C-alpha atoms as a PDB file:
ATOM      1  CA  MET A   1     170.009  72.168 117.309  1.00  0.00           C
ATOM      2  CA  SER A   2     168.047  69.008 116.239  1.00  0.00           C
ATOM      3  CA  GLY A   3     167.542  65.664 117.974  1.00  0.00           C
ATOM      4  CA  ASP A   4     166.410  62.307 117.146  1.00  0.00           C
ATOM      5  CA  TYR A   5     163.924  61.888 119.751  1.00  0.00           C
ATOM      6  CA  ASN A   6     160.121  62.478 120.358  1.00  0.00           C
ATOM      7  CA  TRP A   7     159.666  66.237 122.012  1.00  0.00           C
ATOM      8  CA  LYS A   8     157.930  64.857 124.996  1.00  0.00           C
ATOM      9  CA  THR A   9     161.328  62.804 125.727  1.00  0.00           C
ATOM     10  CA  LEU A  10     162.900  66.183 126.061  1.00  0.00           C
ATOM     11  CA  SER A  11     160.383  67.563 128.349  1.00  0.00           C
ATOM     12  CA  ASP A  12     160.753  64.445 130.680  1.00  0.00           C
ATOM     13  CA  ASN A  13     164.368  65.086 130.750  1.00  0.00           C
ATOM     14  CA  TYR A  14     164.370  69.110 131.293  1.00  0.00           C
ATOM     15  CA  ASN A  15     161.889  68.788 134.033  1.00  0.00           C
ATOM     16  CA  GLU A  16     163.631  66.448 136.720  1.00  0.00           C
ATOM     17  CA  CYS A  17     167.101  66.566 137.779  1.00  0.00           C
ATOM     18  CA  TYR A  18     167.993  63.216 139.053  1.00  0.00           C
ATOM     19  CA  HIS A  19     170.359  62.907 136.407  1.00  0.00           C
ATOM     20  CA  CYS A  20     172.180  66.463 137.284  1.00  0.00           C
ATOM     21  CA  LYS A  21     174.625  65.264 139.610  1.00  0.00           C
ATOM     22  CA  THR A  22     176.583  62.710 137.209  1.00  0.00           C
ATOM     23  CA  ALA A  23     175.331  63.978 133.776  1.00  0.00           C
ATOM     24  CA  HIS A  24     175.887  67.610 134.475  1.00  0.00           C
ATOM     25  CA  PRO A  25     179.129  68.400 136.348  1.00  0.00           C
ATOM     26  CA  ASP A  26     178.406  72.197 136.020  1.00  0.00           C
ATOM     27  CA  ALA A  27     175.217  71.992 137.505  1.00  0.00           C
ATOM     28  CA  ALA A  28     176.518  70.300 140.272  1.00  0.00           C
ATOM     29  CA  ASP A  29     179.271  72.831 140.770  1.00  0.00           C
ATOM     30  CA  VAL A  30     176.506  75.802 140.699  1.00  0.00           C
ATOM     31  CA  ALA A  31     173.682  74.476 142.844  1.00  0.00           C
ATOM     32  CA  ASP A  32     173.213  72.521 145.806  1.00  0.00           C
ATOM     33  CA  LEU A  33     171.219  69.751 143.869  1.00  0.00           C
ATOM     34  CA  SER A  34     170.044  67.925 147.120  1.00  0.00           C
ATOM     35  CA  ALA A  35     167.597  70.865 147.431  1.00  0.00           C
ATOM     36  CA  TYR A  36     166.585  71.057 143.855  1.00  0.00           C
ATOM     37  CA  ARG A  37     162.706  71.531 143.379  1.00  0.00           C
ATOM     38  CA  VAL A  38     159.903  72.247 140.920  1.00  0.00           C
ATOM     39  CA  ASP A  39     156.594  73.900 141.556  1.00  0.00           C
ATOM     40  CA  THR A  40     153.643  73.270 139.158  1.00  0.00           C
ATOM     41  CA  LYS A  41     150.948  75.713 138.585  1.00  0.00           C
ATOM     42  CA  GLY A  42     148.852  76.838 135.552  1.00  0.00           C
ATOM     43  CA  GLY A  43     150.886  76.168 132.687  1.00  0.00           C
ATOM     44  CA  ASN A  44     154.360  76.285 134.393  1.00  0.00           C
ATOM     45  CA  ILE A  45     156.618  74.275 135.821  1.00  0.00           C
ATOM     46  CA  GLU A  46     158.962  76.508 137.969  1.00  0.00           C
ATOM     47  CA  HIS A  47     162.686  74.990 138.938  1.00  0.00           C
ATOM     48  CA  PHE A  48     164.268  76.019 141.986  1.00  0.00           C
ATOM     49  CA  ALA A  49     167.904  75.396 141.475  1.00  0.00           C
ATOM     50  CA  ASN A  50     169.417  76.789 145.198  1.00  0.00           C
ATOM     51  CA  THR A  51     172.194  78.573 143.581  1.00  0.00           C
ATOM     52  CA  LYS A  52     175.193  78.086 145.922  1.00  0.00           C
ATOM     53  CA  PRO A  53     176.398  81.424 147.572  1.00  0.00           C
ATOM     54  CA  GLU A  54     179.804  81.456 146.322  1.00  0.00           C
ATOM     55  CA  MET A  55     178.499  80.926 142.572  1.00  0.00           C
ATOM     56  CA  GLU A  56     175.518  83.500 143.106  1.00  0.00           C
ATOM     57  CA  GLU A  57     178.377  86.044 143.956  1.00  0.00           C
ATOM     58  CA  GLN A  58     180.076  85.104 140.678  1.00  0.00           C
ATOM     59  CA  GLY A  59     176.660  86.008 138.950  1.00  0.00           C
ATOM     60  CA  LEU A  60     175.624  82.521 138.404  1.00  0.00           C
ATOM     61  CA  LYS A  61     172.233  82.568 140.038  1.00  0.00           C
ATOM     62  CA  ILE A  62     169.740  80.803 137.662  1.00  0.00           C
ATOM     63  CA  VAL A  63     166.012  80.720 137.660  1.00  0.00           C
ATOM     64  CA  SER A  64     164.194  78.380 135.015  1.00  0.00           C
ATOM     65  CA  ASN A  65     160.644  78.011 134.137  1.00  0.00           C
ATOM     66  CA  TYR A  66     158.990  75.670 131.866  1.00  0.00           C
ATOM     67  CA  TYR A  67     155.761  76.695 129.625  1.00  0.00           C
ATOM     68  CA  PHE A  68     153.494  73.983 128.805  1.00  0.00           C
ATOM     69  CA  PRO A  69     153.573  72.269 126.285  1.00  0.00           C
ATOM     70  CA  ASN A  70     157.076  73.098 124.499  1.00  0.00           C
ATOM     71  CA  ALA A  71     158.787  75.966 125.737  1.00  0.00           C
ATOM     72  CA  CYS A  72     161.143  77.008 128.556  1.00  0.00           C
ATOM     73  CA  MET A  73     163.282  79.974 129.841  1.00  0.00           C
ATOM     74  CA  THR A  74     166.599  80.301 131.938  1.00  0.00           C
ATOM     75  CA  VAL A  75     167.428  83.485 133.398  1.00  0.00           C
ATOM     76  CA  SER A  76     170.760  84.755 135.084  1.00  0.00           C
ATOM     77  CA  PRO A  77     171.914  88.163 135.831  1.00  0.00           C
ATOM     78  CA  LYS A  78     174.256  88.456 132.757  1.00  0.00           C
ATOM     79  CA  PHE A  79     172.563  85.906 130.140  1.00  0.00           C
ATOM     80  CA  PHE A  80     169.158  84.458 129.448  1.00  0.00           C
ATOM     81  CA  TYR A  81     167.974  82.061 126.703  1.00  0.00           C
ATOM     82  CA  MET A  82     164.492  80.899 125.596  1.00  0.00           C
ATOM     83  CA  MET A  83     163.993  77.586 123.950  1.00  0.00           C
ATOM     84  CA  ARG A  84     161.136  75.852 121.744  1.00  0.00           C
ATOM     85  CA  CYS A  85     161.003  72.526 121.184  1.00  0.00           C
ATOM     86  CA  VAL A  86     159.477  72.049 117.682  1.00  0.00           C
ATOM     87  CA  PRO A  87     158.296  68.242 116.735  1.00  0.00           C
ATOM     88  CA  THR A  88     159.233  67.551 113.211  1.00  0.00           C
ATOM     89  CA  SER A  89     158.136  63.878 113.268  1.00  0.00           C
ATOM     90  CA  PRO A  90     157.167  61.189 115.973  1.00  0.00           C
ATOM     91  CA  GLY A  91     160.965  60.401 116.533  1.00  0.00           C
ATOM     92  CA  HIS A  92     162.651  64.001 115.792  1.00  0.00           C
ATOM     93  CA  CYS A  93     162.278  67.383 116.977  1.00  0.00           C
ATOM     94  CA  SER A  94     164.136  70.777 116.346  1.00  0.00           C
ATOM     95  CA  MET A  95     165.282  72.941 119.364  1.00  0.00           C
ATOM     96  CA  GLU A  96     165.288  76.656 118.635  1.00  0.00           C
ATOM     97  CA  TYR A  97     167.109  79.033 120.936  1.00  0.00           C
ATOM     98  CA  GLU A  98     167.311  82.829 121.402  1.00  0.00           C
ATOM     99  CA  VAL A  99     170.083  84.045 123.845  1.00  0.00           C
ATOM    100  CA  TYR A 100     170.222  87.257 125.211  1.00  0.00           C
ATOM    101  CA  ARG A 101     173.422  89.181 127.007  1.00  0.00           C
ATOM    102  CA  HIS A 102     172.899  91.796 129.687  1.00  0.00           C
ATOM    103  CA  LYS A 103     174.182  95.336 128.303  1.00  0.00           C
ATOM    104  CA  ASN A 104     176.420  95.494 131.351  1.00  0.00           C
ATOM    105  CA  ALA A 105     178.128  91.949 131.296  1.00  0.00           C
ATOM    106  CA  THR A 106     181.585  91.510 130.608  1.00  0.00           C
ATOM    107  CA  ASP A 107     182.703  89.427 127.813  1.00  0.00           C
ATOM    108  CA  GLU A 108     184.298  87.033 130.304  1.00  0.00           C
ATOM    109  CA  GLY A 109     181.137  86.916 132.520  1.00  0.00           C
ATOM    110  CA  PHE A 110     178.803  86.198 129.593  1.00  0.00           C
ATOM    111  CA  GLN A 111     181.187  83.753 127.809  1.00  0.00           C
ATOM    112  CA  THR A 112     181.398  81.704 131.205  1.00  0.00           C
ATOM    113  CA  ILE A 113     177.608  80.899 131.451  1.00  0.00           C
ATOM    114  CA  ASP A 114     177.301  80.800 127.724  1.00  0.00           C
ATOM    115  CA  ALA A 115     179.734  77.946 127.428  1.00  0.00           C
ATOM    116  CA  MET A 116     178.469  76.272 130.502  1.00  0.00           C
ATOM    117  CA  PHE A 117     174.940  75.977 129.253  1.00  0.00           C
ATOM    118  CA  LYS A 118     176.349  74.911 125.661  1.00  0.00           C
ATOM    119  CA  ARG A 119     177.796  72.273 127.555  1.00  0.00           C
ATOM    120  CA  ILE A 120     174.582  71.319 129.495  1.00  0.00           C
ATOM    121  CA  LEU A 121     172.389  71.380 126.463  1.00  0.00           C
ATOM    122  CA  ALA A 122     174.889  69.144 124.257  1.00  0.00           C
ATOM    123  CA  GLU A 123     174.880  66.577 127.328  1.00  0.00           C
ATOM    124  CA  ASP A 124     171.203  66.648 127.363  1.00  0.00           C
ATOM    125  CA  LYS A 125     170.979  66.029 123.735  1.00  0.00           C
ATOM    126  CA  TRP A 126     173.147  62.904 124.227  1.00  0.00           C
ATOM    127  CA  LEU A 127     170.824  61.807 127.079  1.00  0.00           C
ATOM    128  CA  CYS A 128     167.779  62.358 125.046  1.00  0.00           C
ATOM    129  CA  ASN A 129     169.108  60.639 121.881  1.00  0.00           C
ATOM    130  CA  ASN A 130     170.003  57.421 123.977  1.00  0.00           C
ATOM    131  CA  ALA A 131     166.699  57.414 126.069  1.00  0.00           C
ATOM    132  CA  GLN A 132     164.753  57.346 122.788  1.00  0.00           C
ATOM    133  CA  LYS A 133     166.666  54.657 121.574  1.00  0.00           C
ATOM    134  CA  ASN A 134     165.911  52.572 124.648  1.00  0.00           C
ATOM    135  CA  LEU A 135     162.099  53.569 124.062  1.00  0.00           C
ATOM    136  CA  ASN A 136     162.384  52.434 120.319  1.00  0.00           C
ATOM    137  CA  ALA A 137     163.756  48.931 121.414  1.00  0.00           C
ATOM    138  CA  GLY A 138     160.611  48.028 122.957  1.00  0.00           C
ATOM    139  CA  VAL A 139     161.898  46.658 126.295  1.00  0.00           C
ATOM    140  CA  PHE A 140     161.488  49.726 128.448  1.00  0.00           C
ATOM    141  CA  VAL A 141     158.920  49.461 130.941  1.00  0.00           C
ATOM    142  CA  ASN A 142     157.705  52.633 132.940  1.00  0.00           C
ATOM    143  CA  GLY A 143     157.876  52.521 136.611  1.00  0.00           C
ATOM    144  CA  GLU A 144     156.609  54.341 139.343  1.00  0.00           C
ATOM    145  CA  MET A 145     157.612  57.851 139.405  1.00  0.00           C
ATOM    146  CA  HIS A 146     159.226  59.700 142.417  1.00  0.00           C
ATOM    147  CA  PRO A 147     156.185  62.130 143.559  1.00  0.00           C
ATOM    148  CA  LYS A 148     158.595  64.753 144.612  1.00  0.00           C
ATOM    149  CA  MET A 149     161.883  64.302 142.730  1.00  0.00           C
ATOM    150  CA  GLU A 150     159.842  63.594 139.334  1.00  0.00           C
ATOM    151  CA  GLN A 151     156.904  66.047 140.205  1.00  0.00           C
ATOM    152  CA  GLY A 152     157.797  68.013 136.913  1.00  0.00           C
ATOM    153  CA  PRO A 153     157.437  64.999 134.470  1.00  0.00           C
ATOM    154  CA  LEU A 154     154.355  63.741 136.393  1.00  0.00           C
ATOM    155  CA  TYR A 155     152.694  67.147 135.964  1.00  0.00           C
ATOM    156  CA  PHE A 156     153.618  67.248 132.416  1.00  0.00           C
ATOM    157  CA  GLN A 157     152.506  63.684 131.634  1.00  0.00           C
ATOM    158  CA  HIS A 158     149.323  64.428 133.470  1.00  0.00           C
ATOM    159  CA  ARG A 159     148.418  67.549 131.261  1.00  0.00           C
ATOM    160  CA  VAL A 160     149.534  65.522 127.984  1.00  0.00           C
ATOM    161  CA  ARG A 161     147.309  62.599 129.129  1.00  0.00           C
ATOM    162  CA  ALA A 162     144.132  64.839 129.757  1.00  0.00           C
ATOM    163  CA  ILE A 163     144.543  66.702 126.474  1.00  0.00           C
ATOM    164  CA  LEU A 164     144.872  63.087 124.589  1.00  0.00           C
ATOM    165  CA  ASN A 165     141.919  61.649 126.354  1.00  0.00           C
ATOM    166  CA  GLY A 166     139.653  64.748 125.797  1.00  0.00           C
ATOM    167  CA  HIS A 167     140.649  64.446 121.937  1.00  0.00           C
ATOM    168  CA  TYR A 168     139.913  60.907 121.952  1.00  0.00           C
ATOM    169  CA  GLN A 169     136.410  61.418 123.608  1.00  0.00           C
ATOM    170  CA  LEU A 170     135.565  63.836 120.963  1.00  0.00           C
ATOM    171  CA  GLU A 171     136.500  61.382 118.041  1.00  0.00           C
ATOM    172  CA  LYS A 172     134.267  58.913 119.985  1.00  0.00           C
ATOM    173  CA  ALA A 173     131.498  60.973 119.650  1.00  0.00           C
ATOM    174  CA  ALA A 174     132.181  61.882 116.441  1.00  0.00           C
ATOM    175  CA  GLY A 175     132.712  58.491 115.193  1.00  0.00           C
ATOM    176  CA  LYS A 176     135.783  59.603 113.053  1.00  0.00           C
ATOM    177  CA  GLU A 177     139.096  61.024 113.467  1.00  0.00           C
ATOM    178  CA  ILE A 178     139.268  64.657 114.208  1.00  0.00           C
ATOM    179  CA  ASN A 179     142.555  66.281 112.599  1.00  0.00           C
ATOM    180  CA  PRO A 180     142.637  69.895 113.987  1.00  0.00           C
ATOM    181  CA  ALA A 181     144.640  70.813 111.115  1.00  0.00           C
ATOM    182  CA  GLN A 182     141.895  69.720 108.457  1.00  0.00           C
ATOM    183  CA  HIS A 183     139.767  71.908 106.664  1.00  0.00           C
ATOM    184  CA  ILE A 184     136.078  71.185 107.919  1.00  0.00           C
ATOM    185  CA  PRO A 185     133.729  71.330 104.906  1.00  0.00           C
ATOM    186  CA  SER A 186     130.823  73.818 104.884  1.00  0.00           C
ATOM    187  CA  ASP A 187     127.038  72.578 105.551  1.00  0.00           C
ATOM    188  CA  SER A 188     126.892  72.724 101.472  1.00  0.00           C
ATOM    189  CA  SER A 189     129.849  70.143 101.170  1.00  0.00           C
ATOM    190  CA  HIS A 190     128.231  66.949 102.328  1.00  0.00           C
ATOM    191  CA  GLY A 191     129.299  65.282  99.415  1.00  0.00           C
ATOM    192  CA  THR A 192     132.835  65.931 100.026  1.00  0.00           C
ATOM    193  CA  GLU A 193     132.633  64.677 103.523  1.00  0.00           C
ATOM    194  CA  ASN A 194     130.710  61.613 102.416  1.00  0.00           C
ATOM    195  CA  ASP A 195     133.448  60.638  99.792  1.00  0.00           C
ATOM    196  CA  MET A 196     136.110  61.389 102.372  1.00  0.00           C
ATOM    197  CA  GLY A 197     134.080  58.800 104.777  1.00  0.00           C
ATOM    198  CA  PHE A 198     133.910  56.291 101.916  1.00  0.00           C
ATOM    199  CA  CYS A 199     137.606  56.502 101.198  1.00  0.00           C
ATOM    200  CA  SER A 200     138.669  56.313 104.664  1.00  0.00           C
ATOM    201  CA  GLY A 201     136.609  53.035 105.120  1.00  0.00           C
ATOM    202  CA  LEU A 202     138.240  51.176 102.384  1.00  0.00           C
ATOM    203  CA  ALA A 203     140.083  47.961 103.519  1.00  0.00           C
ATOM    204  CA  CYS A 204     143.288  49.408 101.685  1.00  0.00           C
ATOM    205  CA  GLY A 205     143.013  52.496 104.451  1.00  0.00           C
ATOM    206  CA  LYS A 206     143.832  56.080 103.996  1.00  0.00           C
ATOM    207  CA  ASP A 207     147.690  55.420 103.114  1.00  0.00           C
ATOM    208  CA  ALA A 208     146.712  53.374 100.233  1.00  0.00           C
ATOM    209  CA  GLU A 209     149.090  53.887  97.341  1.00  0.00           C
ATOM    210  CA  GLN A 210     146.613  52.327  94.993  1.00  0.00           C
ATOM    211  CA  LEU A 211     144.277  55.516  95.276  1.00  0.00           C
ATOM    212  CA  ALA A 212     147.307  57.866  94.508  1.00  0.00           C
ATOM    213  CA  TRP A 213     146.505  58.527  91.146  1.00  0.00           C
END
């Protein structure tokens, strides 16, 4: 499944449940959302949905984990799925899913929870697409986030911010852009490195079509 939003928009959506009561009727039916919480430790954001007793008896007890930076897993007695969010551009990403069925699950039991999560994921896609439109409009101003209800997004943003600041400090010390995917010339390739530095410093910049001979 693809989405017209930055991958970090999806992480913010996944790791809070402010929106669940109104945006996800299925989630509100299955869990007591007033007691919903997350715990953050290591690279994990653990979700505790507090499944209602009558739903747990139907095999709908749900446990979810988000694994920094871009993967998650949701597990129930009859079904679990893993998702990986793959950035394809600043404004687009692709969600890759693996879905598993317990060997003793009935067709009805599996299809019930499978259909429920397909609805929830489609609802989240709609929310993320429109949240990104709001961000792209340039009028959004980030307000103060709730320290408990938005603990998941706060933790995720803290981790991303620390990584970006660390990379910025490395570039600042090196005096140049550092691209982790770019080959680093050997000690005998100073001429190549000097040429690259010369080209990147031209007024026409690194994206100049004038140099694309």
